[in-house]
């Protein structure tokens, strides 16, 4: 891979990780059958972009995650809008 492309990819990775580490709350969206459910949680993220958050086992969020481990996250409220996929 071209060194310039590699450098740009590393810069984007660093900026994304800095953005994620500069915040500590996110909205976690899960599903219950056909109904969406979203809640705000505190999170941490490591250098490998692995997210961690805690929830109690008697919450709707936890029960939804037990049935379907797929989630969507929203982090940040502005004023600058950034998307990280």
N, C-alpha and C. Protein backbone atom coordinates (compact mmCIF):
# COMPACT_ATOMS: atom_id res chain seq x y z
N UNK A 1 0.84 -1.17 0.00
CA UNK A 1 0.00 0.00 0.00
C UNK A 1 0.89 1.24 0.00
N UNK A 2 0.45 2.25 -0.70
CA UNK A 2 1.16 3.52 -0.80
C UNK A 2 1.35 4.12 0.60
N UNK A 3 2.55 4.63 0.87
CA UNK A 3 2.84 5.20 2.18
C UNK A 3 1.92 6.37 2.52
N UNK A 4 1.56 7.17 1.51
CA UNK A 4 0.65 8.30 1.73
C UNK A 4 -0.72 7.82 2.17
N UNK A 5 -1.22 6.76 1.54
CA UNK A 5 -2.51 6.19 1.91
C UNK A 5 -2.44 5.62 3.32
N UNK A 6 -1.38 4.92 3.63
CA UNK A 6 -1.19 4.36 4.96
C UNK A 6 -1.17 5.45 6.02
N UNK A 7 -0.45 6.54 5.75
CA UNK A 7 -0.38 7.65 6.70
C UNK A 7 -1.76 8.29 6.90
N UNK A 8 -2.53 8.45 5.82
CA UNK A 8 -3.87 9.03 5.92
C UNK A 8 -4.79 8.11 6.72
N UNK A 9 -4.67 6.81 6.49
CA UNK A 9 -5.50 5.85 7.23
C UNK A 9 -5.18 5.90 8.71
N UNK A 10 -3.91 6.00 9.06
CA UNK A 10 -3.50 6.08 10.46
C UNK A 10 -4.01 7.38 11.09
N UNK A 11 -3.98 8.47 10.35
CA UNK A 11 -4.48 9.75 10.85
C UNK A 11 -5.99 9.67 11.12
N UNK A 12 -6.73 9.09 10.18
CA UNK A 12 -8.18 8.92 10.36
C UNK A 12 -8.45 8.03 11.56
N UNK A 13 -7.71 6.94 11.69
CA UNK A 13 -7.88 6.03 12.83
C UNK A 13 -7.64 6.76 14.14
N UNK A 14 -6.55 7.54 14.20
CA UNK A 14 -6.23 8.28 15.42
C UNK A 14 -7.31 9.31 15.74
N UNK A 15 -7.77 10.04 14.73
CA UNK A 15 -8.82 11.05 14.96
C UNK A 15 -10.11 10.39 15.45
N UNK A 16 -10.46 9.26 14.87
CA UNK A 16 -11.68 8.55 15.29
C UNK A 16 -11.53 8.07 16.73
N UNK A 17 -10.39 7.49 17.06
CA UNK A 17 -10.17 7.00 18.42
C UNK A 17 -10.14 8.14 19.42
N UNK A 18 -9.51 9.25 19.07
CA UNK A 18 -9.50 10.42 19.95
C UNK A 18 -10.92 10.92 20.20
N UNK A 19 -11.73 10.99 19.14
CA UNK A 19 -13.13 11.42 19.28
C UNK A 19 -13.87 10.49 20.24
N UNK A 20 -13.72 9.19 20.05
CA UNK A 20 -14.42 8.24 20.90
C UNK A 20 -13.95 8.32 22.35
N UNK A 21 -12.66 8.53 22.56
CA UNK A 21 -12.12 8.61 23.92
C UNK A 21 -12.41 9.95 24.58
N UNK A 22 -12.66 10.99 23.79
CA UNK A 22 -13.00 12.31 24.33
C UNK A 22 -14.44 12.36 24.84
N UNK A 23 -15.23 11.39 24.49
CA UNK A 23 -16.62 11.31 24.94
C UNK A 23 -16.74 10.13 25.91
N UNK A 24 -17.79 10.13 26.70
CA UNK A 24 -17.97 9.01 27.62
C UNK A 24 -19.41 8.52 27.71
N UNK A 25 -20.30 9.11 26.94
CA UNK A 25 -21.68 8.62 26.89
C UNK A 25 -22.06 8.35 25.44
N UNK A 26 -22.96 7.39 25.28
CA UNK A 26 -23.48 7.08 23.95
C UNK A 26 -24.90 6.57 24.10
N UNK A 27 -25.61 6.57 23.01
CA UNK A 27 -26.93 5.97 22.96
C UNK A 27 -26.76 4.59 22.35
N UNK A 28 -27.22 3.58 23.06
CA UNK A 28 -27.19 2.20 22.58
C UNK A 28 -28.59 1.84 22.13
N UNK A 29 -28.71 1.41 20.88
CA UNK A 29 -30.00 0.99 20.35
C UNK A 29 -30.01 -0.52 20.16
N UNK A 30 -31.04 -1.17 20.71
CA UNK A 30 -31.22 -2.61 20.58
C UNK A 30 -32.62 -2.85 20.02
N UNK A 31 -32.96 -4.11 19.81
CA UNK A 31 -34.31 -4.42 19.36
C UNK A 31 -34.93 -5.50 20.23
N UNK A 32 -36.24 -5.39 20.37
CA UNK A 32 -37.03 -6.38 21.08
C UNK A 32 -38.09 -6.84 20.09
N UNK A 33 -37.88 -8.02 19.51
CA UNK A 33 -38.72 -8.51 18.42
C UNK A 33 -38.66 -7.48 17.30
N UNK A 34 -39.74 -6.75 17.05
CA UNK A 34 -39.74 -5.76 15.97
C UNK A 34 -39.68 -4.33 16.48
N UNK A 35 -39.48 -4.14 17.78
CA UNK A 35 -39.50 -2.80 18.36
C UNK A 35 -38.09 -2.34 18.73
N UNK A 36 -37.71 -1.13 18.33
CA UNK A 36 -36.41 -0.61 18.74
C UNK A 36 -36.46 -0.11 20.18
N UNK A 37 -35.31 -0.10 20.82
CA UNK A 37 -35.18 0.42 22.18
C UNK A 37 -33.82 1.10 22.26
N UNK A 38 -33.79 2.33 22.76
CA UNK A 38 -32.54 3.08 22.87
C UNK A 38 -32.38 3.62 24.28
N UNK A 39 -31.16 3.62 24.77
CA UNK A 39 -30.88 4.18 26.09
C UNK A 39 -29.46 4.74 26.11
N UNK A 40 -29.26 5.72 26.96
CA UNK A 40 -27.96 6.34 27.11
C UNK A 40 -27.15 5.58 28.15
N UNK A 41 -25.88 5.33 27.84
CA UNK A 41 -24.98 4.63 28.76
C UNK A 41 -23.63 5.33 28.78
N UNK A 42 -22.89 5.12 29.86
CA UNK A 42 -21.48 5.50 29.90
C UNK A 42 -20.68 4.37 29.27
N UNK A 43 -19.61 4.71 28.56
CA UNK A 43 -18.80 3.68 27.91
C UNK A 43 -17.33 4.04 28.01
N UNK A 44 -16.51 3.04 27.75
CA UNK A 44 -15.09 3.25 27.49
C UNK A 44 -14.76 2.48 26.22
N UNK A 45 -13.70 2.88 25.56
CA UNK A 45 -13.25 2.21 24.34
C UNK A 45 -11.74 2.03 24.43
N UNK A 46 -11.27 0.86 23.98
CA UNK A 46 -9.82 0.63 24.02
C UNK A 46 -9.20 0.97 22.67
N UNK A 47 -7.89 0.81 22.57
CA UNK A 47 -7.17 1.18 21.35
C UNK A 47 -7.53 0.31 20.15
N UNK A 48 -8.20 -0.82 20.39
CA UNK A 48 -8.63 -1.70 19.30
C UNK A 48 -10.09 -1.42 18.91
N UNK A 49 -10.64 -0.30 19.41
CA UNK A 49 -12.02 0.12 19.12
C UNK A 49 -13.06 -0.84 19.72
N UNK A 50 -12.69 -1.52 20.80
CA UNK A 50 -13.65 -2.37 21.50
C UNK A 50 -14.36 -1.51 22.54
N UNK A 51 -15.71 -1.51 22.48
CA UNK A 51 -16.52 -0.73 23.41
C UNK A 51 -16.91 -1.57 24.61
N UNK A 52 -16.94 -0.92 25.77
CA UNK A 52 -17.40 -1.56 26.99
C UNK A 52 -18.41 -0.65 27.67
N UNK A 53 -19.51 -1.23 28.13
CA UNK A 53 -20.44 -0.50 28.99
C UNK A 53 -21.08 -1.52 29.92
N UNK A 54 -21.56 -1.04 31.05
CA UNK A 54 -22.16 -1.92 32.04
C UNK A 54 -23.67 -1.70 32.06
N UNK A 55 -24.39 -2.76 32.33
CA UNK A 55 -25.83 -2.68 32.52
C UNK A 55 -26.24 -3.82 33.45
N UNK A 56 -27.32 -3.62 34.15
CA UNK A 56 -27.80 -4.67 35.03
C UNK A 56 -28.55 -5.72 34.22
N UNK A 57 -28.62 -6.93 34.76
CA UNK A 57 -29.22 -8.05 34.03
C UNK A 57 -30.74 -7.98 33.99
N UNK A 58 -31.35 -7.10 34.76
CA UNK A 58 -32.81 -7.00 34.75
C UNK A 58 -33.32 -5.86 33.87
N UNK A 59 -32.45 -5.28 33.03
CA UNK A 59 -32.87 -4.17 32.16
C UNK A 59 -33.32 -4.68 30.80
N UNK A 60 -34.16 -3.89 30.15
CA UNK A 60 -34.63 -4.21 28.81
C UNK A 60 -33.44 -4.31 27.84
N UNK A 61 -32.49 -3.40 28.01
CA UNK A 61 -31.29 -3.40 27.15
C UNK A 61 -30.57 -4.75 27.24
N UNK A 62 -30.36 -5.22 28.45
CA UNK A 62 -29.67 -6.50 28.65
C UNK A 62 -30.46 -7.65 28.04
N UNK A 63 -31.76 -7.69 28.30
CA UNK A 63 -32.59 -8.77 27.77
C UNK A 63 -32.60 -8.75 26.24
N UNK A 64 -32.66 -7.56 25.66
CA UNK A 64 -32.60 -7.45 24.20
C UNK A 64 -31.27 -7.97 23.67
N UNK A 65 -30.17 -7.62 24.34
CA UNK A 65 -28.85 -8.07 23.90
C UNK A 65 -28.68 -9.58 24.02
N UNK A 66 -29.33 -10.18 25.00
CA UNK A 66 -29.30 -11.63 25.14
C UNK A 66 -29.95 -12.30 23.93
N UNK A 67 -31.02 -11.71 23.42
CA UNK A 67 -31.73 -12.27 22.26
C UNK A 67 -31.05 -11.93 20.94
N UNK A 68 -30.48 -10.74 20.86
CA UNK A 68 -29.86 -10.27 19.63
C UNK A 68 -28.70 -9.36 19.99
N UNK A 69 -27.48 -9.82 19.77
CA UNK A 69 -26.28 -9.08 20.16
C UNK A 69 -25.92 -7.92 19.27
N UNK A 70 -26.71 -7.67 18.23
CA UNK A 70 -26.42 -6.55 17.33
C UNK A 70 -26.97 -5.26 17.93
N UNK A 71 -26.13 -4.20 17.91
CA UNK A 71 -26.55 -2.90 18.43
C UNK A 71 -26.11 -1.81 17.48
N UNK A 72 -26.67 -0.64 17.68
CA UNK A 72 -26.20 0.58 17.02
C UNK A 72 -25.82 1.56 18.12
N UNK A 73 -24.78 2.34 17.88
CA UNK A 73 -24.31 3.34 18.85
C UNK A 73 -24.36 4.71 18.23
N UNK A 74 -24.73 5.70 19.03
CA UNK A 74 -24.64 7.10 18.62
C UNK A 74 -23.84 7.81 19.69
N UNK A 75 -22.79 8.50 19.26
CA UNK A 75 -21.90 9.20 20.18
C UNK A 75 -21.76 10.64 19.72
N UNK A 76 -21.90 11.56 20.65
CA UNK A 76 -21.71 12.97 20.35
C UNK A 76 -23.02 13.67 20.04
N UNK A 77 -23.03 14.95 20.37
CA UNK A 77 -24.24 15.75 20.14
C UNK A 77 -23.95 17.04 19.40
N UNK A 78 -22.76 17.24 18.97
CA UNK A 78 -22.43 18.45 18.22
C UNK A 78 -21.54 19.36 19.05
N UNK A 79 -21.21 20.52 18.57
CA UNK A 79 -21.77 21.15 17.38
C UNK A 79 -21.20 20.57 16.07
N UNK A 80 -20.03 19.92 16.12
CA UNK A 80 -19.46 19.33 14.92
C UNK A 80 -19.99 17.91 14.78
N UNK A 81 -20.51 17.57 13.61
CA UNK A 81 -21.07 16.25 13.37
C UNK A 81 -20.03 15.38 12.67
N UNK A 82 -19.76 14.21 13.28
CA UNK A 82 -18.78 13.26 12.74
C UNK A 82 -19.42 11.89 12.73
N UNK A 83 -19.21 11.14 11.68
CA UNK A 83 -19.69 9.76 11.63
C UNK A 83 -18.50 8.83 11.58
N UNK A 84 -18.56 7.76 12.38
CA UNK A 84 -17.53 6.73 12.38
C UNK A 84 -18.24 5.41 12.18
N UNK A 85 -17.96 4.71 11.09
CA UNK A 85 -18.61 3.43 10.79
C UNK A 85 -17.64 2.30 11.00
